[in-house]
Structures are given as C-alpha cells and as structure tokens.
Amino acid sequence: MEKPVDDVSEVEEEKEELQEEAESEVPEEESEEMEVEGEEDLDVDLDAEEEPFVEAKERASRKEQAIEEEDIVEERFYTIPLRKVWTAPRKKRAPKAARVVRSFVLKHMKVQLDTVEEEEEPEKLVIDNEVNEKLWSRGIEKPPRKIRVRVVKDKEGVVTVLLAEGD
C-alpha cells in the first residue's frame, strides 16, 4: 500500500518523472515513423475494401445516366398485379411472374413485336436486372403479389422496364 501524500505537487512530480522515463525508452523519431507506417497500411486497406462498392455505384450511376441521356419519348409508372401468378404450381411461379410483367408492359405500352425473326433485330422490350431480382427475391415459390415499375420508351421504340425508385 502506498503512503498518503500530503502535498499535491509531489504527486505531479512523480507523474512527470514516469512520463519522462517512458519517453526516454523509445526515441521520438522511431515512434513517429512507426505511426506513419501504420497509417499508410490502414489507408491502403480501406481503399482496397471500398473499391468494389465504388465500382458498383459507378456502374449503377452510368446505367441511369445512359437511360436519362437517351431521348425519352414516354415514361410511365405502373403497379403490376401478380395475383394470377399464384395460381401456377409452386415451382413455376417466379418464371410466370416474369412472363406476366413482360405481357403487361407489351399490352400497356403498345409494343409491336414482329413475328418475322431477323438475325440482327434489336430488342423491343428490355426488363432491367433489378426488376428480375425483385421478382426472384423470395425464391421461385413466393414472388411478390404486386410490383411497382417505371417503364421508359425511347425514340427508337425500345421499351425499358425499371424498378420504381421507392422500391
């Protein structure tokens, strides 16, 4: 046990002596170099971890910009009911949901698909990957009951189905 100290200045002096001893054991230059090296390593690791996220964000923003840059002739928002999908057998519901979305958009956006197939025919209807992922999000057996989409038609007649922004 320590003996009681009457004077506060004695305690402060002891603390200063302990700090000086600790500092004298490791030279200041080496401690600074060690800190700098450690900081550089941390920065590199953080940058390496952030790269995939940055790339994904850039790809998403590029895709949105490409759609916005095209001349949009018509843009509509639809809530597509998928209740008929649930009458299908369990293991066929999500694929049927994709077909229902496709037929709904063809009907409501008045897209004419040519029956004559040419080798280099451009696609008239494009369903975005996010819409497909939303349909398959709960698996093949349980697609959503309804889905909110944004449908864009450009000047060339190509219709793109995108997930509505709030979903």
N, C-alpha and C. Protein backbone atom coordinates (compact mmCIF):
# COMPACT_ATOMS: atom_id res chain seq x y z
N MET A 1 0.83 -1.18 0.00
CA MET A 1 0.00 0.00 0.00
C MET A 1 0.87 1.24 0.00
N GLU A 2 0.34 2.24 -0.63
CA GLU A 2 1.08 3.49 -0.71
C GLU A 2 0.78 4.35 0.50
N LYS A 3 1.78 5.11 0.85
CA LYS A 3 1.58 6.01 1.99
C LYS A 3 0.84 7.25 1.53
N PRO A 4 0.02 7.83 2.37
CA PRO A 4 -0.72 9.02 1.98
C PRO A 4 0.23 10.19 1.70
N VAL A 5 -0.12 10.96 0.69
CA VAL A 5 0.71 12.09 0.29
C VAL A 5 -0.02 13.36 0.70
N ASP A 6 0.73 14.23 1.38
CA ASP A 6 0.14 15.48 1.87
C ASP A 6 0.16 16.57 0.80
N ASP A 7 1.18 16.54 -0.03
CA ASP A 7 1.37 17.64 -0.97
C ASP A 7 0.99 17.18 -2.38
N VAL A 8 0.15 17.93 -3.08
CA VAL A 8 -0.29 17.62 -4.43
C VAL A 8 0.87 17.77 -5.41
N SER A 9 1.78 18.68 -5.16
CA SER A 9 2.90 18.91 -6.07
C SER A 9 3.80 17.68 -6.14
N GLU A 10 3.93 16.91 -5.06
CA GLU A 10 4.74 15.70 -5.07
C GLU A 10 4.14 14.68 -6.04
N VAL A 11 2.83 14.54 -6.06
CA VAL A 11 2.15 13.60 -6.96
C VAL A 11 2.39 14.00 -8.41
N GLU A 12 2.29 15.30 -8.70
CA GLU A 12 2.50 15.78 -10.06
C GLU A 12 3.93 15.52 -10.50
N GLU A 13 4.90 15.73 -9.63
CA GLU A 13 6.30 15.48 -9.95
C GLU A 13 6.53 14.01 -10.28
N GLU A 14 5.93 13.11 -9.51
CA GLU A 14 6.09 11.68 -9.76
C GLU A 14 5.52 11.31 -11.13
N LYS A 15 4.39 11.87 -11.51
CA LYS A 15 3.77 11.60 -12.81
C LYS A 15 4.68 12.07 -13.93
N GLU A 16 5.26 13.24 -13.79
CA GLU A 16 6.15 13.78 -14.81
C GLU A 16 7.38 12.90 -14.97
N GLU A 17 7.94 12.42 -13.85
CA GLU A 17 9.10 11.54 -13.91
C GLU A 17 8.77 10.24 -14.65
N LEU A 18 7.61 9.68 -14.37
CA LEU A 18 7.21 8.44 -15.05
C LEU A 18 7.04 8.66 -16.55
N GLN A 19 6.47 9.79 -16.94
CA GLN A 19 6.29 10.10 -18.36
C GLN A 19 7.63 10.27 -19.05
N GLU A 20 8.58 10.95 -18.39
CA GLU A 20 9.90 11.16 -18.98
C GLU A 20 10.63 9.84 -19.16
N GLU A 21 10.52 8.94 -18.20
CA GLU A 21 11.15 7.62 -18.32
C GLU A 21 10.57 6.84 -19.49
N ALA A 22 9.25 6.90 -19.65
CA ALA A 22 8.60 6.17 -20.74
C ALA A 22 9.03 6.73 -22.09
N GLU A 23 9.17 8.04 -22.19
CA GLU A 23 9.58 8.67 -23.44
C GLU A 23 11.04 8.41 -23.76
N SER A 24 11.86 8.32 -22.75
CA SER A 24 13.28 8.11 -22.99
C SER A 24 13.57 6.69 -23.47
N GLU A 25 12.71 5.73 -23.18
CA GLU A 25 12.92 4.35 -23.62
C GLU A 25 12.79 4.23 -25.13
N VAL A 26 11.82 4.91 -25.76
CA VAL A 26 11.63 4.86 -27.20
C VAL A 26 11.94 6.24 -27.77
N PRO A 27 12.92 6.32 -28.67
CA PRO A 27 13.22 7.62 -29.26
C PRO A 27 12.01 8.15 -30.05
N GLU A 28 11.88 9.47 -30.06
CA GLU A 28 10.73 10.09 -30.70
C GLU A 28 10.69 9.84 -32.20
N GLU A 29 11.83 9.84 -32.88
CA GLU A 29 11.85 9.66 -34.32
C GLU A 29 11.29 8.30 -34.70
N GLU A 30 11.70 7.25 -33.99
CA GLU A 30 11.22 5.91 -34.32
C GLU A 30 9.72 5.80 -34.08
N SER A 31 9.21 6.38 -33.01
CA SER A 31 7.78 6.28 -32.72
C SER A 31 6.97 6.99 -33.81
N GLU A 32 7.47 8.12 -34.32
CA GLU A 32 6.76 8.82 -35.39
C GLU A 32 6.75 8.00 -36.67
N GLU A 33 7.89 7.36 -36.99
CA GLU A 33 7.95 6.55 -38.20
C GLU A 33 6.99 5.37 -38.10
N MET A 34 6.90 4.78 -36.92
CA MET A 34 6.01 3.65 -36.74
C MET A 34 4.55 4.09 -36.94
N GLU A 35 4.19 5.23 -36.44
CA GLU A 35 2.83 5.72 -36.60
C GLU A 35 2.52 5.99 -38.06
N VAL A 36 3.45 6.59 -38.80
CA VAL A 36 3.24 6.91 -40.20
C VAL A 36 3.08 5.63 -41.01
N GLU A 37 3.93 4.62 -40.74
CA GLU A 37 3.84 3.36 -41.47
C GLU A 37 2.49 2.70 -41.20
N GLY A 38 2.04 2.70 -39.99
CA GLY A 38 0.76 2.09 -39.65
C GLY A 38 -0.40 2.80 -40.32
N GLU A 39 -0.34 4.12 -40.40
CA GLU A 39 -1.40 4.88 -41.03
C GLU A 39 -1.48 4.58 -42.52
N GLU A 40 -0.33 4.46 -43.18
CA GLU A 40 -0.33 4.16 -44.61
C GLU A 40 -0.97 2.81 -44.86
N ASP A 41 -0.64 1.81 -44.04
CA ASP A 41 -1.21 0.49 -44.22
C ASP A 41 -2.72 0.52 -44.05
N LEU A 42 -3.20 1.29 -43.09
CA LEU A 42 -4.64 1.38 -42.89
C LEU A 42 -5.32 2.03 -44.08
N ASP A 43 -4.71 3.07 -44.64
CA ASP A 43 -5.30 3.74 -45.80
C ASP A 43 -5.40 2.79 -46.97
N VAL A 44 -4.37 2.01 -47.21
CA VAL A 44 -4.37 1.08 -48.33
C VAL A 44 -5.47 0.04 -48.14
N ASP A 45 -5.62 -0.49 -46.92
CA ASP A 45 -6.63 -1.50 -46.66
C ASP A 45 -8.03 -0.93 -46.85
N LEU A 46 -8.26 0.29 -46.40
CA LEU A 46 -9.57 0.90 -46.57
C LEU A 46 -9.88 1.13 -48.04
N ASP A 47 -8.89 1.59 -48.79
CA ASP A 47 -9.11 1.81 -50.21
C ASP A 47 -9.44 0.51 -50.91
N ALA A 48 -8.75 -0.56 -50.55
CA ALA A 48 -9.00 -1.86 -51.18
C ALA A 48 -10.40 -2.36 -50.87
N GLU A 49 -10.89 -2.10 -49.65
CA GLU A 49 -12.22 -2.53 -49.29
C GLU A 49 -13.29 -1.69 -49.97
N GLU A 50 -13.05 -0.41 -50.20
CA GLU A 50 -14.05 0.48 -50.76
C GLU A 50 -14.16 0.33 -52.28
N GLU A 51 -13.15 -0.20 -52.96
CA GLU A 51 -13.15 -0.26 -54.41
C GLU A 51 -14.36 -0.98 -54.99
N PRO A 52 -14.72 -2.17 -54.52
CA PRO A 52 -15.88 -2.84 -55.13
C PRO A 52 -17.17 -2.03 -54.97
N PHE A 53 -17.34 -1.37 -53.82
CA PHE A 53 -18.53 -0.57 -53.60
C PHE A 53 -18.55 0.63 -54.53
N VAL A 54 -17.40 1.26 -54.72
CA VAL A 54 -17.32 2.42 -55.59
C VAL A 54 -17.61 2.01 -57.03
N GLU A 55 -17.06 0.86 -57.45
CA GLU A 55 -17.29 0.39 -58.81
C GLU A 55 -18.77 0.10 -59.04
N ALA A 56 -19.43 -0.52 -58.06
CA ALA A 56 -20.85 -0.83 -58.20
C ALA A 56 -21.67 0.45 -58.30
N LYS A 57 -21.32 1.44 -57.47
CA LYS A 57 -22.05 2.71 -57.52
C LYS A 57 -21.84 3.40 -58.86
N GLU A 58 -20.61 3.35 -59.37
CA GLU A 58 -20.31 3.99 -60.65
C GLU A 58 -21.09 3.32 -61.77
N ARG A 59 -21.13 1.97 -61.75
CA ARG A 59 -21.86 1.26 -62.79
C ARG A 59 -23.35 1.62 -62.75
N ALA A 60 -23.92 1.66 -61.55
CA ALA A 60 -25.34 1.98 -61.42
C ALA A 60 -25.62 3.40 -61.91
N SER A 61 -24.73 4.35 -61.55
CA SER A 61 -24.95 5.73 -61.97
C SER A 61 -24.76 5.87 -63.48
N ARG A 62 -23.80 5.12 -64.06
CA ARG A 62 -23.60 5.17 -65.51
C ARG A 62 -24.83 4.64 -66.23
N LYS A 63 -25.41 3.56 -65.71
CA LYS A 63 -26.58 2.96 -66.34
C LYS A 63 -27.75 3.94 -66.30
N GLU A 64 -27.95 4.59 -65.14
CA GLU A 64 -29.03 5.56 -65.02
C GLU A 64 -28.80 6.76 -65.94
N GLN A 65 -27.55 7.20 -66.05
CA GLN A 65 -27.24 8.33 -66.92
C GLN A 65 -27.47 7.96 -68.38
N ALA A 66 -27.12 6.73 -68.75
CA ALA A 66 -27.30 6.30 -70.13
C ALA A 66 -28.78 6.30 -70.48
N ILE A 67 -29.61 5.86 -69.54
CA ILE A 67 -31.05 5.84 -69.79
C ILE A 67 -31.59 7.26 -69.87
N GLU A 68 -31.11 8.14 -68.99
CA GLU A 68 -31.57 9.52 -68.99
C GLU A 68 -31.06 10.29 -70.21
N GLU A 69 -29.87 9.96 -70.70
CA GLU A 69 -29.31 10.67 -71.84
C GLU A 69 -30.07 10.36 -73.12
N GLU A 70 -30.61 9.12 -73.22
CA GLU A 70 -31.38 8.79 -74.39
C GLU A 70 -32.62 9.67 -74.43
N ASP A 71 -33.11 9.92 -75.61
CA ASP A 71 -34.30 10.74 -75.74
C ASP A 71 -35.51 9.93 -75.30
N ILE A 72 -36.07 10.29 -74.17
CA ILE A 72 -37.22 9.59 -73.64
C ILE A 72 -38.48 10.17 -74.28
N VAL A 73 -39.19 9.31 -74.98
CA VAL A 73 -40.42 9.73 -75.61
C VAL A 73 -41.56 9.63 -74.61
N GLU A 74 -41.56 8.53 -73.83
CA GLU A 74 -42.66 8.29 -72.92
C GLU A 74 -42.14 7.60 -71.66
N GLU A 75 -42.63 8.01 -70.52
CA GLU A 75 -42.25 7.40 -69.25
C GLU A 75 -43.51 7.24 -68.42
N ARG A 76 -43.74 6.02 -67.94
CA ARG A 76 -44.94 5.75 -67.14
C ARG A 76 -44.56 4.89 -65.93
N PHE A 77 -45.36 5.03 -64.89
CA PHE A 77 -45.22 4.22 -63.70
C PHE A 77 -46.43 3.30 -63.60
N TYR A 78 -46.17 2.02 -63.36
CA TYR A 78 -47.24 1.05 -63.24
C TYR A 78 -47.06 0.23 -61.97
N THR A 79 -48.19 -0.18 -61.39
CA THR A 79 -48.19 -1.21 -60.36
C THR A 79 -48.77 -2.44 -61.03
N ILE A 80 -47.94 -3.43 -61.25
CA ILE A 80 -48.36 -4.63 -61.98
C ILE A 80 -48.87 -5.66 -60.98
N PRO A 81 -50.15 -6.05 -61.09
CA PRO A 81 -50.66 -7.07 -60.19
C PRO A 81 -50.17 -8.45 -60.63
N LEU A 82 -49.69 -9.23 -59.68
CA LEU A 82 -49.17 -10.56 -59.99
C LEU A 82 -50.02 -11.65 -59.32
N ARG A 83 -51.29 -11.37 -59.07
CA ARG A 83 -52.12 -12.34 -58.35
C ARG A 83 -52.35 -13.61 -59.17
N LYS A 84 -52.39 -13.51 -60.49
CA LYS A 84 -52.61 -14.69 -61.33
C LYS A 84 -51.43 -15.67 -61.27
N VAL A 85 -50.27 -15.13 -60.92
CA VAL A 85 -49.07 -15.97 -60.83
C VAL A 85 -49.26 -17.06 -59.77
N TRP A 86 -49.99 -16.72 -58.72
CA TRP A 86 -50.15 -17.64 -57.60
C TRP A 86 -51.05 -18.82 -57.92
N THR A 87 -51.71 -18.82 -59.07
CA THR A 87 -52.50 -19.99 -59.48
C THR A 87 -51.61 -21.06 -60.11
N ALA A 88 -50.40 -20.70 -60.48
CA ALA A 88 -49.46 -21.64 -61.09
C ALA A 88 -48.88 -22.57 -60.03
N PRO A 89 -48.34 -23.72 -60.46
CA PRO A 89 -47.67 -24.60 -59.49
C PRO A 89 -46.51 -23.88 -58.81
N ARG A 90 -46.19 -24.30 -57.60
CA ARG A 90 -45.18 -23.61 -56.78
C ARG A 90 -43.86 -23.36 -57.50
N LYS A 91 -43.36 -24.36 -58.16
CA LYS A 91 -42.03 -24.27 -58.77
C LYS A 91 -42.01 -23.53 -60.11
N LYS A 92 -43.14 -22.98 -60.50
CA LYS A 92 -43.19 -22.25 -61.77
C LYS A 92 -43.65 -20.80 -61.60
N ARG A 93 -43.76 -20.34 -60.36
CA ARG A 93 -44.35 -19.02 -60.11
C ARG A 93 -43.45 -17.85 -60.51
N ALA A 94 -42.18 -17.87 -60.14
CA ALA A 94 -41.30 -16.74 -60.47
C ALA A 94 -41.10 -16.61 -61.98
N PRO A 95 -40.88 -17.70 -62.73
CA PRO A 95 -40.79 -17.54 -64.18
C PRO A 95 -42.10 -17.01 -64.79
N LYS A 96 -43.23 -17.46 -64.24
CA LYS A 96 -44.51 -16.96 -64.74
C LYS A 96 -44.66 -15.47 -64.42
N ALA A 97 -44.16 -15.04 -63.25
CA ALA A 97 -44.21 -13.62 -62.89
C ALA A 97 -43.45 -12.78 -63.91
N ALA A 98 -42.31 -13.27 -64.35
CA ALA A 98 -41.54 -12.54 -65.36
C ALA A 98 -42.33 -12.45 -66.67
N ARG A 99 -43.01 -13.53 -67.04
CA ARG A 99 -43.83 -13.50 -68.26
C ARG A 99 -45.01 -12.55 -68.12
N VAL A 100 -45.62 -12.51 -66.93
CA VAL A 100 -46.75 -11.60 -66.69
C VAL A 100 -46.29 -10.15 -66.80
N VAL A 101 -45.13 -9.83 -66.23
CA VAL A 101 -44.60 -8.46 -66.32
C VAL A 101 -44.37 -8.11 -67.78
N ARG A 102 -43.78 -9.03 -68.53
CA ARG A 102 -43.50 -8.80 -69.94
C ARG A 102 -44.79 -8.56 -70.73
N SER A 103 -45.79 -9.41 -70.54
CA SER A 103 -47.04 -9.26 -71.29
C SER A 103 -47.78 -7.98 -70.88
N PHE A 104 -47.74 -7.63 -69.60
CA PHE A 104 -48.39 -6.40 -69.12
C PHE A 104 -47.78 -5.18 -69.80
N VAL A 105 -46.45 -5.13 -69.85
CA VAL A 105 -45.78 -3.96 -70.44
C VAL A 105 -46.02 -3.92 -71.95
N LEU A 106 -46.00 -5.08 -72.61
CA LEU A 106 -46.27 -5.11 -74.05
C LEU A 106 -47.67 -4.56 -74.34
N LYS A 107 -48.62 -4.95 -73.53
CA LYS A 107 -50.01 -4.53 -73.73
C LYS A 107 -50.19 -3.03 -73.46
N HIS A 108 -49.65 -2.55 -72.34
CA HIS A 108 -49.92 -1.17 -71.93
C HIS A 108 -49.05 -0.14 -72.64
N MET A 109 -47.88 -0.53 -73.12
CA MET A 109 -47.02 0.40 -73.85
C MET A 109 -47.18 0.25 -75.35
N LYS A 110 -48.08 -0.64 -75.78
CA LYS A 110 -48.39 -0.84 -77.20
C LYS A 110 -47.15 -1.14 -78.03
N VAL A 111 -46.38 -2.12 -77.55
CA VAL A 111 -45.18 -2.53 -78.26
C VAL A 111 -45.56 -3.60 -79.27
N GLN A 112 -45.18 -3.41 -80.53
CA GLN A 112 -45.46 -4.39 -81.58
C GLN A 112 -44.22 -5.26 -81.77
N LEU A 113 -44.37 -6.54 -81.49
CA LEU A 113 -43.28 -7.47 -81.74
C LEU A 113 -43.51 -8.11 -83.09
N ASP A 114 -42.51 -8.05 -83.96
CA ASP A 114 -42.62 -8.64 -85.29
C ASP A 114 -42.53 -10.16 -85.17
N THR A 115 -43.40 -10.85 -85.92
CA THR A 115 -43.36 -12.31 -85.91
C THR A 115 -42.23 -12.83 -86.77
N VAL A 116 -41.79 -12.03 -87.73
CA VAL A 116 -40.67 -12.43 -88.57
C VAL A 116 -39.39 -12.16 -87.80
N GLU A 117 -38.60 -13.21 -87.60
CA GLU A 117 -37.36 -13.05 -86.83
C GLU A 117 -36.18 -12.81 -87.76
N GLU A 118 -35.52 -11.71 -87.56
CA GLU A 118 -34.30 -11.42 -88.30
C GLU A 118 -33.12 -11.68 -87.39
N GLU A 119 -31.96 -11.91 -87.97
CA GLU A 119 -30.78 -12.24 -87.17
C GLU A 119 -30.32 -11.08 -86.30
N GLU A 120 -30.36 -9.86 -86.80
CA GLU A 120 -29.85 -8.72 -86.06
C GLU A 120 -30.97 -7.76 -85.64
N GLU A 121 -32.09 -8.30 -85.21
CA GLU A 121 -33.20 -7.47 -84.78
C GLU A 121 -32.93 -6.91 -83.39
N PRO A 122 -33.05 -5.59 -83.21
CA PRO A 122 -32.84 -5.04 -81.87
C PRO A 122 -33.99 -5.43 -80.94
N GLU A 123 -33.71 -5.52 -79.66
CA GLU A 123 -34.74 -5.88 -78.70
C GLU A 123 -35.72 -4.72 -78.55
N LYS A 124 -36.99 -5.04 -78.57
CA LYS A 124 -38.01 -4.02 -78.41
C LYS A 124 -38.38 -3.82 -76.95
N LEU A 125 -38.16 -4.85 -76.12
CA LEU A 125 -38.51 -4.79 -74.71
C LEU A 125 -37.34 -5.28 -73.88
N VAL A 126 -36.90 -4.47 -72.92
CA VAL A 126 -35.78 -4.82 -72.05
C VAL A 126 -36.28 -4.74 -70.61
N ILE A 127 -36.17 -5.87 -69.89
CA ILE A 127 -36.52 -5.89 -68.47
C ILE A 127 -35.22 -5.78 -67.69
N ASP A 128 -35.12 -4.76 -66.86
CA ASP A 128 -33.91 -4.49 -66.09
C ASP A 128 -33.64 -5.61 -65.10
N ASN A 129 -32.38 -5.82 -64.79
CA ASN A 129 -31.97 -6.87 -63.86
C ASN A 129 -32.55 -6.66 -62.46
N GLU A 130 -32.71 -5.42 -62.03
CA GLU A 130 -33.27 -5.14 -60.71
C GLU A 130 -34.71 -5.63 -60.60
N VAL A 131 -35.48 -5.50 -61.68
CA VAL A 131 -36.86 -5.99 -61.68
C VAL A 131 -36.84 -7.51 -61.54
N ASN A 132 -35.97 -8.16 -62.29
CA ASN A 132 -35.86 -9.62 -62.22
C ASN A 132 -35.46 -10.07 -60.82
N GLU A 133 -34.50 -9.37 -60.21
CA GLU A 133 -34.07 -9.72 -58.86
C GLU A 133 -35.19 -9.53 -57.86
N LYS A 134 -36.01 -8.50 -58.05
CA LYS A 134 -37.15 -8.28 -57.15
C LYS A 134 -38.16 -9.42 -57.28
N LEU A 135 -38.40 -9.88 -58.51
CA LEU A 135 -39.32 -11.00 -58.72
C LEU A 135 -38.82 -12.29 -58.06
N TRP A 136 -37.52 -12.49 -58.09
CA TRP A 136 -36.92 -13.72 -57.56
C TRP A 136 -36.42 -13.56 -56.13
N SER A 137 -36.64 -12.41 -55.49
CA SER A 137 -36.05 -12.12 -54.18
C SER A 137 -36.44 -13.13 -53.10
N ARG A 138 -37.64 -13.67 -53.14
CA ARG A 138 -38.06 -14.63 -52.13
C ARG A 138 -38.06 -16.05 -52.67
N GLY A 139 -37.43 -16.25 -53.81
CA GLY A 139 -37.32 -17.59 -54.36
C GLY A 139 -38.35 -17.85 -55.44
N ILE A 140 -38.32 -19.07 -55.96
CA ILE A 140 -39.19 -19.44 -57.08
C ILE A 140 -40.64 -19.62 -56.63
N GLU A 141 -40.85 -19.99 -55.39
CA GLU A 141 -42.19 -20.32 -54.91
C GLU A 141 -43.00 -19.11 -54.45
N LYS A 142 -42.35 -18.02 -54.07
CA LYS A 142 -43.07 -16.90 -53.47
C LYS A 142 -42.71 -15.55 -54.11
N PRO A 143 -43.12 -15.31 -55.34
CA PRO A 143 -42.88 -13.98 -55.92
C PRO A 143 -43.79 -12.96 -55.24
N PRO A 144 -43.51 -11.68 -55.41
CA PRO A 144 -44.36 -10.66 -54.77
C PRO A 144 -45.78 -10.67 -55.35
N ARG A 145 -46.74 -10.16 -54.60
CA ARG A 145 -48.13 -10.09 -55.06
C ARG A 145 -48.32 -8.99 -56.09
N LYS A 146 -47.50 -7.95 -56.01
CA LYS A 146 -47.54 -6.87 -56.99
C LYS A 146 -46.16 -6.23 -57.03
N ILE A 147 -45.88 -5.51 -58.11
CA ILE A 147 -44.57 -4.87 -58.25
C ILE A 147 -44.76 -3.51 -58.90
N ARG A 148 -44.03 -2.53 -58.41
CA ARG A 148 -44.10 -1.15 -58.92
C ARG A 148 -42.92 -0.94 -59.86
N VAL A 149 -43.21 -0.55 -61.12
CA VAL A 149 -42.15 -0.38 -62.11
C VAL A 149 -42.27 0.97 -62.80
N ARG A 150 -41.14 1.37 -63.39
CA ARG A 150 -41.10 2.56 -64.24
C ARG A 150 -40.78 2.07 -65.64
N VAL A 151 -41.61 2.42 -66.59
CA VAL A 151 -41.45 1.97 -67.96
C VAL A 151 -41.09 3.17 -68.83
N VAL A 152 -39.98 3.04 -69.57
CA VAL A 152 -39.47 4.14 -70.39
C VAL A 152 -39.40 3.68 -71.84
N LYS A 153 -39.94 4.52 -72.73
CA LYS A 153 -39.85 4.24 -74.17
C LYS A 153 -38.99 5.33 -74.79
N ASP A 154 -37.95 4.92 -75.54
CA ASP A 154 -37.06 5.90 -76.16
C ASP A 154 -37.50 6.17 -77.61
N LYS A 155 -36.77 7.04 -78.28
CA LYS A 155 -37.17 7.46 -79.62
C LYS A 155 -37.08 6.35 -80.65
N GLU A 156 -36.28 5.31 -80.37
CA GLU A 156 -36.15 4.18 -81.29
C GLU A 156 -37.23 3.13 -81.08
N GLY A 157 -38.07 3.33 -80.07
CA GLY A 157 -39.14 2.39 -79.81
C GLY A 157 -38.78 1.28 -78.83
N VAL A 158 -37.61 1.35 -78.25
CA VAL A 158 -37.18 0.35 -77.27
C VAL A 158 -37.80 0.69 -75.92
N VAL A 159 -38.47 -0.28 -75.31
CA VAL A 159 -39.12 -0.09 -74.03
C VAL A 159 -38.27 -0.75 -72.95
N THR A 160 -37.96 0.01 -71.90
CA THR A 160 -37.15 -0.50 -70.79
C THR A 160 -37.98 -0.49 -69.53
N VAL A 161 -38.00 -1.64 -68.83
CA VAL A 161 -38.75 -1.78 -67.59
C VAL A 161 -37.76 -1.67 -66.44
N LEU A 162 -37.93 -0.66 -65.59
CA LEU A 162 -37.04 -0.42 -64.45
C LEU A 162 -37.84 -0.49 -63.17
N LEU A 163 -37.17 -0.81 -62.07
CA LEU A 163 -37.82 -0.82 -60.78
C LEU A 163 -38.09 0.63 -60.37
N ALA A 164 -39.28 0.91 -59.85
CA ALA A 164 -39.60 2.27 -59.40
C ALA A 164 -38.64 2.66 -58.28
N GLU A 165 -38.32 3.93 -58.16
CA GLU A 165 -37.27 4.41 -57.26
C GLU A 165 -37.51 4.10 -55.80
N GLY A 166 -38.74 4.09 -55.33
CA GLY A 166 -39.04 3.86 -53.94
C GLY A 166 -38.89 2.41 -53.52
N ASP A 167 -38.81 1.49 -54.46
CA ASP A 167 -38.78 0.07 -54.12
C ASP A 167 -37.40 -0.50 -54.09
